């Protein structure tokens, strides 16, 4: 039986949220820069929507599943070594730096 993974539609929604925020930040920065100097007509960047194909979404979903699974396993090892049966936030905080370096 194959492990369940995150829903690709959920991952796409998360990606779209991030893309929208970055686009708005970019527009704000460009507006601030335009006030600092003269900008000729037609020099601003054209808005280009960002998209992801189905294969990229499935791959991103699988990568996130593996990342979360590894984080839980490492935190469980730390909790077990401390003699605790429940994973707490401190266990995740302790494994996070090495986990991010490994991924």
C-alpha atoms as a PDB file:
ATOM      1  CA  UNK A   1       0.000   0.000   0.000  1.00  0.00           C
ATOM      2  CA  UNK A   2       1.363   3.364  -1.051  1.00  0.00           C
ATOM      3  CA  UNK A   3       1.709   6.077   1.591  1.00  0.00           C
ATOM      4  CA  UNK A   4      -0.776   8.880   1.335  1.00  0.00           C
ATOM      5  CA  UNK A   5       0.606  12.179   0.187  1.00  0.00           C
ATOM      6  CA  UNK A   6      -0.566  15.764   0.376  1.00  0.00           C
ATOM      7  CA  UNK A   7      -3.335  16.798  -1.998  1.00  0.00           C
ATOM      8  CA  UNK A   8      -1.778  18.467  -5.069  1.00  0.00           C
ATOM      9  CA  UNK A   9      -4.641  21.000  -5.090  1.00  0.00           C
ATOM     10  CA  UNK A  10      -3.691  22.046  -1.556  1.00  0.00           C
ATOM     11  CA  UNK A  11      -0.058  22.442  -2.608  1.00  0.00           C
ATOM     12  CA  UNK A  12      -1.141  24.514  -5.614  1.00  0.00           C
ATOM     13  CA  UNK A  13      -3.243  26.753  -3.358  1.00  0.00           C
ATOM     14  CA  UNK A  14      -0.247  27.273  -1.050  1.00  0.00           C
ATOM     15  CA  UNK A  15       2.017  28.046  -4.009  1.00  0.00           C
ATOM     16  CA  UNK A  16      -0.509  30.535  -5.439  1.00  0.00           C
ATOM     17  CA  UNK A  17      -0.730  32.319  -2.103  1.00  0.00           C
ATOM     18  CA  UNK A  18       3.044  32.696  -1.973  1.00  0.00           C
ATOM     19  CA  UNK A  19       3.260  33.775  -5.621  1.00  0.00           C
ATOM     20  CA  UNK A  20       0.568  36.413  -5.034  1.00  0.00           C
ATOM     21  CA  UNK A  21       2.321  37.789  -1.948  1.00  0.00           C
ATOM     22  CA  UNK A  22       5.645  38.006  -3.764  1.00  0.00           C
ATOM     23  CA  UNK A  23       4.021  39.701  -6.737  1.00  0.00           C
ATOM     24  CA  UNK A  24       2.446  42.321  -4.470  1.00  0.00           C
ATOM     25  CA  UNK A  25       5.768  42.895  -2.692  1.00  0.00           C
ATOM     26  CA  UNK A  26       7.501  43.291  -6.051  1.00  0.00           C
ATOM     27  CA  UNK A  27       4.885  45.836  -7.162  1.00  0.00           C
ATOM     28  CA  UNK A  28       5.311  47.817  -3.927  1.00  0.00           C
ATOM     29  CA  UNK A  29       9.091  47.826  -4.343  1.00  0.00           C
ATOM     30  CA  UNK A  30       8.814  48.941  -7.957  1.00  0.00           C
ATOM     31  CA  UNK A  31       6.420  51.733  -6.963  1.00  0.00           C
ATOM     32  CA  UNK A  32       8.833  52.907  -4.264  1.00  0.00           C
ATOM     33  CA  UNK A  33      11.725  52.817  -6.727  1.00  0.00           C
ATOM     34  CA  UNK A  34       9.677  54.738  -9.298  1.00  0.00           C
ATOM     35  CA  UNK A  35       9.236  57.571  -6.814  1.00  0.00           C
ATOM     36  CA  UNK A  36      13.002  57.762  -6.294  1.00  0.00           C
ATOM     37  CA  UNK A  37      13.873  58.129  -9.960  1.00  0.00           C
ATOM     38  CA  UNK A  38      12.285  59.044 -13.250  1.00  0.00           C
ATOM     39  CA  UNK A  39      10.959  56.074 -15.154  1.00  0.00           C
ATOM     40  CA  UNK A  40      10.100  56.229 -18.810  1.00  0.00           C
ATOM     41  CA  UNK A  41       6.847  54.898 -20.190  1.00  0.00           C
ATOM     42  CA  UNK A  42       6.771  51.182 -20.837  1.00  0.00           C
ATOM     43  CA  UNK A  43       9.682  50.271 -18.573  1.00  0.00           C
ATOM     44  CA  UNK A  44       7.677  48.378 -15.942  1.00  0.00           C
ATOM     45  CA  UNK A  45       7.570  44.604 -16.024  1.00  0.00           C
ATOM     46  CA  UNK A  46       4.543  42.997 -17.566  1.00  0.00           C
ATOM     47  CA  UNK A  47       2.451  40.933 -15.160  1.00  0.00           C
ATOM     48  CA  UNK A  48       3.035  37.274 -15.883  1.00  0.00           C
ATOM     49  CA  UNK A  49       0.891  34.709 -14.050  1.00  0.00           C
ATOM     50  CA  UNK A  50       2.844  31.885 -12.477  1.00  0.00           C
ATOM     51  CA  UNK A  51       1.655  28.305 -12.936  1.00  0.00           C
ATOM     52  CA  UNK A  52       2.729  24.764 -12.141  1.00  0.00           C
ATOM     53  CA  UNK A  53       1.976  21.644 -14.135  1.00  0.00           C
ATOM     54  CA  UNK A  54       0.476  18.492 -12.627  1.00  0.00           C
ATOM     55  CA  UNK A  55       3.771  16.587 -12.512  1.00  0.00           C
ATOM     56  CA  UNK A  56       5.467  19.400 -10.596  1.00  0.00           C
ATOM     57  CA  UNK A  57       2.584  19.504  -8.117  1.00  0.00           C
ATOM     58  CA  UNK A  58       2.706  15.738  -7.566  1.00  0.00           C
ATOM     59  CA  UNK A  59       6.464  15.882  -7.065  1.00  0.00           C
ATOM     60  CA  UNK A  60       6.150  18.809  -4.630  1.00  0.00           C
ATOM     61  CA  UNK A  61       3.464  16.925  -2.709  1.00  0.00           C
ATOM     62  CA  UNK A  62       5.675  13.855  -2.423  1.00  0.00           C
ATOM     63  CA  UNK A  63       8.681  15.927  -1.349  1.00  0.00           C
ATOM     64  CA  UNK A  64       6.633  17.576   1.412  1.00  0.00           C
ATOM     65  CA  UNK A  65       5.315  14.179   2.541  1.00  0.00           C
ATOM     66  CA  UNK A  66       8.846  12.824   2.831  1.00  0.00           C
ATOM     67  CA  UNK A  67      10.039  15.973   4.622  1.00  0.00           C
ATOM     68  CA  UNK A  68       7.244  15.835   7.213  1.00  0.00           C
ATOM     69  CA  UNK A  69       7.674  12.082   7.691  1.00  0.00           C
ATOM     70  CA  UNK A  70      11.409  12.495   8.287  1.00  0.00           C
ATOM     71  CA  UNK A  71      10.795  15.347  10.738  1.00  0.00           C
ATOM     72  CA  UNK A  72       8.358  13.238  12.750  1.00  0.00           C
ATOM     73  CA  UNK A  73      10.717  10.249  12.788  1.00  0.00           C
ATOM     74  CA  UNK A  74      13.670  12.343  13.974  1.00  0.00           C
ATOM     75  CA  UNK A  75      11.589  14.105  16.623  1.00  0.00           C
ATOM     76  CA  UNK A  76      10.259  10.730  17.814  1.00  0.00           C
ATOM     77  CA  UNK A  77      13.841   9.489  18.210  1.00  0.00           C
ATOM     78  CA  UNK A  78      14.689  12.499  20.383  1.00  0.00           C
ATOM     79  CA  UNK A  79      11.506  12.065  22.434  1.00  0.00           C
ATOM     80  CA  UNK A  80      12.243   8.356  22.925  1.00  0.00           C
ATOM     81  CA  UNK A  81      15.790   9.111  24.050  1.00  0.00           C
ATOM     82  CA  UNK A  82      14.340  11.453  26.678  1.00  0.00           C
ATOM     83  CA  UNK A  83      11.886   8.791  27.809  1.00  0.00           C
ATOM     84  CA  UNK A  84       8.838  10.711  26.624  1.00  0.00           C
ATOM     85  CA  UNK A  85       6.042   9.065  24.641  1.00  0.00           C
ATOM     86  CA  UNK A  86       4.728  12.279  23.055  1.00  0.00           C
ATOM     87  CA  UNK A  87       6.512  14.507  20.543  1.00  0.00           C
ATOM     88  CA  UNK A  88       6.594  18.124  21.676  1.00  0.00           C
ATOM     89  CA  UNK A  89       7.547  21.353  19.942  1.00  0.00           C
ATOM     90  CA  UNK A  90      10.956  21.334  21.630  1.00  0.00           C
ATOM     91  CA  UNK A  91      11.771  18.011  19.945  1.00  0.00           C
ATOM     92  CA  UNK A  92      10.984  19.504  16.550  1.00  0.00           C
ATOM     93  CA  UNK A  93      13.020  22.608  17.365  1.00  0.00           C
ATOM     94  CA  UNK A  94      16.030  20.456  18.174  1.00  0.00           C
ATOM     95  CA  UNK A  95      15.951  18.460  14.910  1.00  0.00           C
ATOM     96  CA  UNK A  96      15.000  21.326  12.578  1.00  0.00           C
ATOM     97  CA  UNK A  97      18.476  22.800  11.876  1.00  0.00           C
ATOM     98  CA  UNK A  98      19.988  19.468  10.796  1.00  0.00           C
ATOM     99  CA  UNK A  99      16.825  18.500   8.904  1.00  0.00           C
ATOM    100  CA  UNK A 100      16.947  21.704   6.859  1.00  0.00           C
ATOM    101  CA  UNK A 101      20.622  21.116   6.087  1.00  0.00           C
ATOM    102  CA  UNK A 102      19.868  17.552   4.963  1.00  0.00           C
ATOM    103  CA  UNK A 103      17.107  18.645   2.629  1.00  0.00           C
END
